[in-house]
PDB file of N, CA and C in Angstrom:
ATOM      1  N   MET A   1     105.674 147.993 123.058  1.00  0.00           N
ATOM      2  CA  MET A   1     106.083 147.011 124.048  1.00  0.00           C
ATOM      3  C   MET A   1     105.022 145.914 124.093  1.00  0.00           C
ATOM      4  N   PRO A   2     105.443 144.629 124.153  1.00  0.00           N
ATOM      5  CA  PRO A   2     104.480 143.526 124.195  1.00  0.00           C
ATOM      6  C   PRO A   2     103.597 143.585 125.442  1.00  0.00           C
ATOM      7  N   GLU A   3     102.511 142.853 125.361  1.00  0.00           N
ATOM      8  CA  GLU A   3     101.529 142.804 126.448  1.00  0.00           C
ATOM      9  C   GLU A   3     102.166 142.293 127.743  1.00  0.00           C
ATOM     10  N   GLN A   4     101.873 142.986 128.817  1.00  0.00           N
ATOM     11  CA  GLN A   4     102.346 142.585 130.140  1.00  0.00           C
ATOM     12  C   GLN A   4     101.333 141.647 130.768  1.00  0.00           C
ATOM     13  N   ARG A   5     101.823 140.609 131.425  1.00  0.00           N
ATOM     14  CA  ARG A   5     100.967 139.695 132.176  1.00  0.00           C
ATOM     15  C   ARG A   5     101.039 140.107 133.637  1.00  0.00           C
ATOM     16  N   THR A   6      99.932 140.605 134.172  1.00  0.00           N
ATOM     17  CA  THR A   6      99.885 141.002 135.579  1.00  0.00           C
ATOM     18  C   THR A   6      99.828 139.753 136.442  1.00  0.00           C
ATOM     19  N   VAL A   7     100.750 139.655 137.398  1.00  0.00           N
ATOM     20  CA  VAL A   7     100.790 138.490 138.274  1.00  0.00           C
ATOM     21  C   VAL A   7     100.285 138.815 139.674  1.00  0.00           C
ATOM     22  N   ALA A   8     100.260 140.094 140.037  1.00  0.00           N
ATOM     23  CA  ALA A   8      99.755 140.502 141.355  1.00  0.00           C
ATOM     24  C   ALA A   8      99.465 141.991 141.326  1.00  0.00           C
ATOM     25  N   SER A   9      98.619 142.413 142.239  1.00  0.00           N
ATOM     26  CA  SER A   9      98.359 143.841 142.390  1.00  0.00           C
ATOM     27  C   SER A   9      98.101 144.138 143.861  1.00  0.00           C
ATOM     28  N   VAL A  10      98.434 145.370 144.229  1.00  0.00           N
ATOM     29  CA  VAL A  10      98.263 145.838 145.600  1.00  0.00           C
ATOM     30  C   VAL A  10      97.516 147.166 145.527  1.00  0.00           C
ATOM     31  N   ARG A  11      96.417 147.265 146.251  1.00  0.00           N
ATOM     32  CA  ARG A  11      95.642 148.509 146.258  1.00  0.00           C
ATOM     33  C   ARG A  11      96.448 149.592 146.973  1.00  0.00           C
ATOM     34  N   LYS A  12      96.660 150.705 146.301  1.00  0.00           N
ATOM     35  CA  LYS A  12      97.399 151.829 146.893  1.00  0.00           C
ATOM     36  C   LYS A  12      96.435 152.787 147.583  1.00  0.00           C
ATOM     37  N   ASN A  13      95.328 153.089 146.925  1.00  0.00           N
ATOM     38  CA  ASN A  13      94.269 153.931 147.483  1.00  0.00           C
ATOM     39  C   ASN A  13      93.011 153.695 146.654  1.00  0.00           C
ATOM     40  N   ALA A  14      91.983 154.525 146.818  1.00  0.00           N
ATOM     41  CA  ALA A  14      90.708 154.292 146.143  1.00  0.00           C
ATOM     42  C   ALA A  14      90.812 154.372 144.618  1.00  0.00           C
ATOM     43  N   ARG A  15      91.801 155.101 144.102  1.00  0.00           N
ATOM     44  CA  ARG A  15      91.902 155.284 142.648  1.00  0.00           C
ATOM     45  C   ARG A  15      93.155 154.678 142.023  1.00  0.00           C
ATOM     46  N   GLN A  16      94.041 154.097 142.835  1.00  0.00           N
ATOM     47  CA  GLN A  16      95.301 153.594 142.306  1.00  0.00           C
ATOM     48  C   GLN A  16      95.626 152.208 142.847  1.00  0.00           C
ATOM     49  N   GLU A  17      96.376 151.465 142.054  1.00  0.00           N
ATOM     50  CA  GLU A  17      96.904 150.185 142.495  1.00  0.00           C
ATOM     51  C   GLU A  17      98.297 150.001 141.914  1.00  0.00           C
ATOM     52  N   ILE A  18      99.090 149.205 142.586  1.00  0.00           N
ATOM     53  CA  ILE A  18     100.428 148.867 142.111  1.00  0.00           C
ATOM     54  C   ILE A  18     100.326 147.485 141.486  1.00  0.00           C
ATOM     55  N   ARG A  19     100.688 147.389 140.207  1.00  0.00           N
ATOM     56  CA  ARG A  19     100.644 146.105 139.517  1.00  0.00           C
ATOM     57  C   ARG A  19     102.057 145.582 139.312  1.00  0.00           C
ATOM     58  N   ILE A  20     102.203 144.293 139.563  1.00  0.00           N
ATOM     59  CA  ILE A  20     103.458 143.596 139.336  1.00  0.00           C
ATOM     60  C   ILE A  20     103.241 142.716 138.114  1.00  0.00           C
ATOM     61  N   GLY A  21     104.109 142.875 137.132  1.00  0.00           N
ATOM     62  CA  GLY A  21     103.907 142.150 135.888  1.00  0.00           C
ATOM     63  C   GLY A  21     105.171 141.515 135.356  1.00  0.00           C
ATOM     64  N   LEU A  22     104.963 140.613 134.408  1.00  0.00           N
ATOM     65  CA  LEU A  22     106.044 139.944 133.700  1.00  0.00           C
ATOM     66  C   LEU A  22     105.796 140.094 132.210  1.00  0.00           C
ATOM     67  N   GLN A  23     106.875 140.251 131.448  1.00  0.00           N
ATOM     68  CA  GLN A  23     106.751 140.319 130.003  1.00  0.00           C
ATOM     69  C   GLN A  23     108.113 140.102 129.364  1.00  0.00           C
ATOM     70  N   GLU A  24     108.085 139.853 128.070  1.00  0.00           N
ATOM     71  CA  GLU A  24     109.315 139.757 127.308  1.00  0.00           C
ATOM     72  C   GLU A  24     109.489 141.061 126.545  1.00  0.00           C
ATOM     73  N   TYR A  25     110.695 141.577 126.535  1.00  0.00           N
ATOM     74  CA  TYR A  25     110.994 142.814 125.814  1.00  0.00           C
ATOM     75  C   TYR A  25     112.343 142.652 125.127  1.00  0.00           C
ATOM     76  N   GLU A  26     112.347 142.781 123.826  1.00  0.00           N
ATOM     77  CA  GLU A  26     113.563 142.640 123.027  1.00  0.00           C
ATOM     78  C   GLU A  26     114.319 141.362 123.376  1.00  0.00           C
ATOM     79  N   GLY A  27     113.576 140.261 123.526  1.00  0.00           N
ATOM     80  CA  GLY A  27     114.176 138.966 123.802  1.00  0.00           C
ATOM     81  C   GLY A  27     114.578 138.729 125.243  1.00  0.00           C
ATOM     82  N   ARG A  28     114.305 139.668 126.112  1.00  0.00           N
ATOM     83  CA  ARG A  28     114.659 139.531 127.534  1.00  0.00           C
ATOM     84  C   ARG A  28     113.389 139.444 128.375  1.00  0.00           C
ATOM     85  N   GLN A  29     113.476 138.665 129.436  1.00  0.00           N
ATOM     86  CA  GLN A  29     112.366 138.580 130.383  1.00  0.00           C
ATOM     87  C   GLN A  29     112.522 139.706 131.395  1.00  0.00           C
ATOM     88  N   ILE A  30     111.471 140.511 131.559  1.00  0.00           N
ATOM     89  CA  ILE A  30     111.526 141.599 132.521  1.00  0.00           C
ATOM     90  C   ILE A  30     110.331 141.542 133.464  1.00  0.00           C
ATOM     91  N   ALA A  31     110.533 142.124 134.621  1.00  0.00           N
ATOM     92  CA  ALA A  31     109.472 142.303 135.614  1.00  0.00           C
ATOM     93  C   ALA A  31     109.205 143.794 135.712  1.00  0.00           C
ATOM     94  N   SER A  32     108.009 144.136 136.131  1.00  0.00           N
ATOM     95  CA  SER A  32     107.696 145.551 136.254  1.00  0.00           C
ATOM     96  C   SER A  32     106.845 145.801 137.493  1.00  0.00           C
ATOM     97  N   LEU A  33     107.037 146.973 138.045  1.00  0.00           N
ATOM     98  CA  LEU A  33     106.182 147.519 139.106  1.00  0.00           C
ATOM     99  C   LEU A  33     105.671 148.834 138.545  1.00  0.00           C
ATOM    100  N   ARG A  34     104.364 149.017 138.481  1.00  0.00           N
ATOM    101  CA  ARG A  34     103.823 150.230 137.906  1.00  0.00           C
ATOM    102  C   ARG A  34     102.567 150.625 138.651  1.00  0.00           C
ATOM    103  N   VAL A  35     102.392 151.911 138.873  1.00  0.00           N
ATOM    104  CA  VAL A  35     101.162 152.438 139.464  1.00  0.00           C
ATOM    105  C   VAL A  35     100.147 152.603 138.343  1.00  0.00           C
ATOM    106  N   TRP A  36      98.972 152.029 138.523  1.00  0.00           N
ATOM    107  CA  TRP A  36      97.853 152.193 137.599  1.00  0.00           C
ATOM    108  C   TRP A  36      96.810 153.060 138.294  1.00  0.00           C
ATOM    109  N   PHE A  37      96.083 153.843 137.508  1.00  0.00           N
ATOM    110  CA  PHE A  37      95.083 154.736 138.083  1.00  0.00           C
ATOM    111  C   PHE A  37      93.754 154.578 137.357  1.00  0.00           C
ATOM    112  N   LYS A  38      92.681 154.920 138.070  1.00  0.00           N
ATOM    113  CA  LYS A  38      91.352 154.874 137.471  1.00  0.00           C
ATOM    114  C   LYS A  38      91.116 156.182 136.736  1.00  0.00           C
ATOM    115  N   ALA A  39      90.944 156.105 135.418  1.00  0.00           N
ATOM    116  CA  ALA A  39      90.715 157.278 134.586  1.00  0.00           C
ATOM    117  C   ALA A  39      89.272 157.765 134.758  1.00  0.00           C
ATOM    118  N   GLU A  40      89.005 158.933 134.233  1.00  0.00           N
ATOM    119  CA  GLU A  40      87.663 159.513 134.362  1.00  0.00           C
ATOM    120  C   GLU A  40      86.587 158.636 133.743  1.00  0.00           C
ATOM    121  N   ASP A  41      86.952 157.841 132.711  1.00  0.00           N
ATOM    122  CA  ASP A  41      85.969 156.953 132.083  1.00  0.00           C
ATOM    123  C   ASP A  41      85.816 155.627 132.824  1.00  0.00           C
ATOM    124  N   GLY A  42      86.519 155.482 133.960  1.00  0.00           N
ATOM    125  CA  GLY A  42      86.402 154.291 134.788  1.00  0.00           C
ATOM    126  C   GLY A  42      87.380 153.176 134.461  1.00  0.00           C
ATOM    127  N   THR A  43      88.143 153.308 133.387  1.00  0.00           N
ATOM    128  CA  THR A  43      89.114 152.285 133.039  1.00  0.00           C
ATOM    129  C   THR A  43      90.414 152.494 133.816  1.00  0.00           C
ATOM    130  N   MET A  44      91.124 151.408 134.035  1.00  0.00           N
ATOM    131  CA  MET A  44      92.430 151.480 134.691  1.00  0.00           C
ATOM    132  C   MET A  44      93.491 151.692 133.619  1.00  0.00           C
ATOM    133  N   ARG A  45      94.379 152.642 133.870  1.00  0.00           N
ATOM    134  CA  ARG A  45      95.439 152.971 132.916  1.00  0.00           C
ATOM    135  C   ARG A  45      96.773 153.047 133.639  1.00  0.00           C
ATOM    136  N   PRO A  46      97.860 152.692 132.923  1.00  0.00           N
ATOM    137  CA  PRO A  46      99.175 152.773 133.560  1.00  0.00           C
ATOM    138  C   PRO A  46      99.604 154.213 133.743  1.00  0.00           C
ATOM    139  N   GLY A  47     100.177 154.509 134.881  1.00  0.00           N
ATOM    140  CA  GLY A  47     100.718 155.832 135.148  1.00  0.00           C
ATOM    141  C   GLY A  47     102.185 155.895 134.773  1.00  0.00           C
ATOM    142  N   LYS A  48     102.776 157.048 134.979  1.00  0.00           N
ATOM    143  CA  LYS A  48     104.192 157.209 134.652  1.00  0.00           C
ATOM    144  C   LYS A  48     105.100 156.654 135.743  1.00  0.00           C
ATOM    145  N   ASP A  49     104.563 156.460 136.945  1.00  0.00           N
ATOM    146  CA  ASP A  49     105.369 155.976 138.062  1.00  0.00           C
ATOM    147  C   ASP A  49     105.533 154.462 138.000  1.00  0.00           C
ATOM    148  N   GLY A  50     106.764 154.020 137.972  1.00  0.00           N
ATOM    149  CA  GLY A  50     107.021 152.593 137.956  1.00  0.00           C
ATOM    150  C   GLY A  50     108.440 152.300 137.526  1.00  0.00           C
ATOM    151  N   MET A  51     108.715 151.004 137.392  1.00  0.00           N
ATOM    152  CA  MET A  51     110.049 150.601 136.980  1.00  0.00           C
ATOM    153  C   MET A  51     109.995 149.233 136.324  1.00  0.00           C
ATOM    154  N   ASN A  52     110.934 148.995 135.418  1.00  0.00           N
ATOM    155  CA  ASN A  52     111.140 147.699 134.791  1.00  0.00           C
ATOM    156  C   ASN A  52     112.542 147.233 135.156  1.00  0.00           C
ATOM    157  N   PHE A  53     112.700 145.921 135.335  1.00  0.00           N
ATOM    158  CA  PHE A  53     114.009 145.382 135.681  1.00  0.00           C
ATOM    159  C   PHE A  53     114.074 143.924 135.254  1.00  0.00           C
ATOM    160  N   ARG A  54     115.297 143.397 135.188  1.00  0.00           N
ATOM    161  CA  ARG A  54     115.506 142.001 134.805  1.00  0.00           C
ATOM    162  C   ARG A  54     114.791 141.077 135.785  1.00  0.00           C
ATOM    163  N   VAL A  55     114.126 140.076 135.262  1.00  0.00           N
ATOM    164  CA  VAL A  55     113.370 139.151 136.104  1.00  0.00           C
ATOM    165  C   VAL A  55     114.288 138.404 137.077  1.00  0.00           C
ATOM    166  N   ASP A  56     115.561 138.226 136.732  1.00  0.00           N
ATOM    167  CA  ASP A  56     116.461 137.518 137.642  1.00  0.00           C
ATOM    168  C   ASP A  56     116.778 138.320 138.910  1.00  0.00           C
ATOM    169  N   LEU A  57     116.363 139.578 138.965  1.00  0.00           N
ATOM    170  CA  LEU A  57     116.538 140.383 140.174  1.00  0.00           C
ATOM    171  C   LEU A  57     115.398 140.192 141.173  1.00  0.00           C
ATOM    172  N   LEU A  58     114.339 139.476 140.794  1.00  0.00           N
ATOM    173  CA  LEU A  58     113.190 139.294 141.687  1.00  0.00           C
ATOM    174  C   LEU A  58     113.563 138.676 143.041  1.00  0.00           C
ATOM    175  N   PRO A  59     114.380 137.626 143.109  1.00  0.00           N
ATOM    176  CA  PRO A  59     114.713 137.086 144.433  1.00  0.00           C
ATOM    177  C   PRO A  59     115.415 138.108 145.333  1.00  0.00           C
ATOM    178  N   GLU A  60     116.316 138.895 144.764  1.00  0.00           N
ATOM    179  CA  GLU A  60     117.009 139.912 145.558  1.00  0.00           C
ATOM    180  C   GLU A  60     116.043 141.008 146.015  1.00  0.00           C
ATOM    181  N   LEU A  61     115.138 141.407 145.140  1.00  0.00           N
ATOM    182  CA  LEU A  61     114.124 142.401 145.508  1.00  0.00           C
ATOM    183  C   LEU A  61     113.197 141.841 146.586  1.00  0.00           C
ATOM    184  N   HIS A  62     112.832 140.578 146.456  1.00  0.00           N
ATOM    185  CA  HIS A  62     111.989 139.927 147.454  1.00  0.00           C
ATOM    186  C   HIS A  62     112.643 139.967 148.830  1.00  0.00           C
ATOM    187  N   GLU A  63     113.926 139.642 148.894  1.00  0.00           N
ATOM    188  CA  GLU A  63     114.646 139.668 150.173  1.00  0.00           C
ATOM    189  C   GLU A  63     114.747 141.091 150.716  1.00  0.00           C
ATOM    190  N   ALA A  64     114.965 142.062 149.829  1.00  0.00           N
ATOM    191  CA  ALA A  64     115.047 143.459 150.267  1.00  0.00           C
ATOM    192  C   ALA A  64     113.710 143.921 150.841  1.00  0.00           C
ATOM    193  N   LEU A  65     112.607 143.525 150.229  1.00  0.00           N
ATOM    194  CA  LEU A  65     111.291 143.885 150.762  1.00  0.00           C
ATOM    195  C   LEU A  65     111.038 143.195 152.101  1.00  0.00           C
ATOM    196  N   ALA A  66     111.457 141.942 152.217  1.00  0.00           N
ATOM    197  CA  ALA A  66     111.310 141.235 153.493  1.00  0.00           C
ATOM    198  C   ALA A  66     112.105 141.946 154.584  1.00  0.00           C
ATOM    199  N   GLU A  67     113.297 142.418 154.251  1.00  0.00           N
ATOM    200  CA  GLU A  67     114.111 143.162 155.221  1.00  0.00           C
ATOM    201  C   GLU A  67     113.413 144.464 155.615  1.00  0.00           C
ATOM    202  N   ALA A  68     112.784 145.132 154.652  1.00  0.00           N
ATOM    203  CA  ALA A  68     112.058 146.368 154.948  1.00  0.00           C
ATOM    204  C   ALA A  68     110.882 146.091 155.881  1.00  0.00           C
ATOM    205  N   VAL A  69     110.196 144.966 155.683  1.00  0.00           N
ATOM    206  CA  VAL A  69     109.094 144.587 156.576  1.00  0.00           C
ATOM    207  C   VAL A  69     109.629 144.343 157.979  1.00  0.00           C
ATOM    208  N   ARG A  70     110.732 143.603 158.092  1.00  0.00           N
ATOM    209  CA  ARG A  70     111.308 143.342 159.416  1.00  0.00           C
ATOM    210  C   ARG A  70     111.709 144.647 160.102  1.00  0.00           C
ATOM    211  N   ALA A  71     112.306 145.566 159.360  1.00  0.00           N
ATOM    212  CA  ALA A  71     112.705 146.850 159.933  1.00  0.00           C
ATOM    213  C   ALA A  71     111.484 147.637 160.394  1.00  0.00           C
ATOM    214  N   ALA A  72     110.436 147.671 159.580  1.00  0.00           N
ATOM    215  CA  ALA A  72     109.219 148.401 159.945  1.00  0.00           C
ATOM    216  C   ALA A  72     108.567 147.792 161.181  1.00  0.00           C
ATOM    217  N   GLU A  73     108.594 146.456 161.284  1.00  0.00           N
ATOM    218  CA  GLU A  73     108.057 145.795 162.473  1.00  0.00           C
ATOM    219  C   GLU A  73     108.873 146.143 163.704  1.00  0.00           C
ATOM    220  N   SER A  74     110.200 146.108 163.591  1.00  0.00           N
ATOM    221  CA  SER A  74     111.041 146.374 164.757  1.00  0.00           C
ATOM    222  C   SER A  74     110.937 147.834 165.210  1.00  0.00           C
ATOM    223  N   GLU A  75     110.584 148.726 164.293  1.00  0.00           N
ATOM    224  CA  GLU A  75     110.416 150.129 164.637  1.00  0.00           C
ATOM    225  C   GLU A  75     108.980 150.466 165.045  1.00  0.00           C
ATOM    226  N   GLY A  76     108.133 149.464 165.109  1.00  0.00           N
ATOM    227  CA  GLY A  76     106.751 149.664 165.526  1.00  0.00           C
ATOM    228  C   GLY A  76     105.862 150.280 164.464  1.00  0.00           C
ATOM    229  N   LEU A  77     106.321 150.287 163.223  1.00  0.00           N
ATOM    230  CA  LEU A  77     105.526 150.856 162.134  1.00  0.00           C
ATOM    231  C   LEU A  77     104.506 149.871 161.592  1.00  0.00           C
ATOM    232  N   LEU A  78     104.777 148.574 161.805  1.00  0.00           N
ATOM    233  CA  LEU A  78     103.860 147.505 161.407  1.00  0.00           C
ATOM    234  C   LEU A  78     103.717 146.549 162.577  1.00  0.00           C
ATOM    235  N   ALA A  79     102.550 145.939 162.679  1.00  0.00           N
ATOM    236  CA  ALA A  79     102.371 144.888 163.672  1.00  0.00           C
ATOM    237  C   ALA A  79     103.107 143.655 163.168  1.00  0.00           C
ATOM    238  N   PRO A  80     103.776 142.920 164.050  1.00  0.00           N
ATOM    239  CA  PRO A  80     104.468 141.699 163.608  1.00  0.00           C
ATOM    240  C   PRO A  80     103.497 140.732 162.968  1.00  0.00           C
ATOM    241  N   ALA A  81     103.968 140.066 161.933  1.00  0.00           N
ATOM    242  CA  ALA A  81     103.104 139.114 161.198  1.00  0.00           C
ATOM    243  C   ALA A  81     102.854 137.861 161.995  1.00  0.00           C
TER     244      ALA A  81
END
């Protein structure tokens, strides 16, 4: 698989982060969400947890995440932004 360009990352815990990436695969543009972990040698490596999807789904995923934030705020799970 061609090299992924990481566009953002979110720290999950002391040893893991969620990376959001873009890449081309078999002539298609794809986005990915993948958990990376710190290996024993100190390098970050991709884990098995993650997903790849068509880049044109990003706006719909963005709206779904925004809805999840609103729901979590209304349920008192997050402080309102």
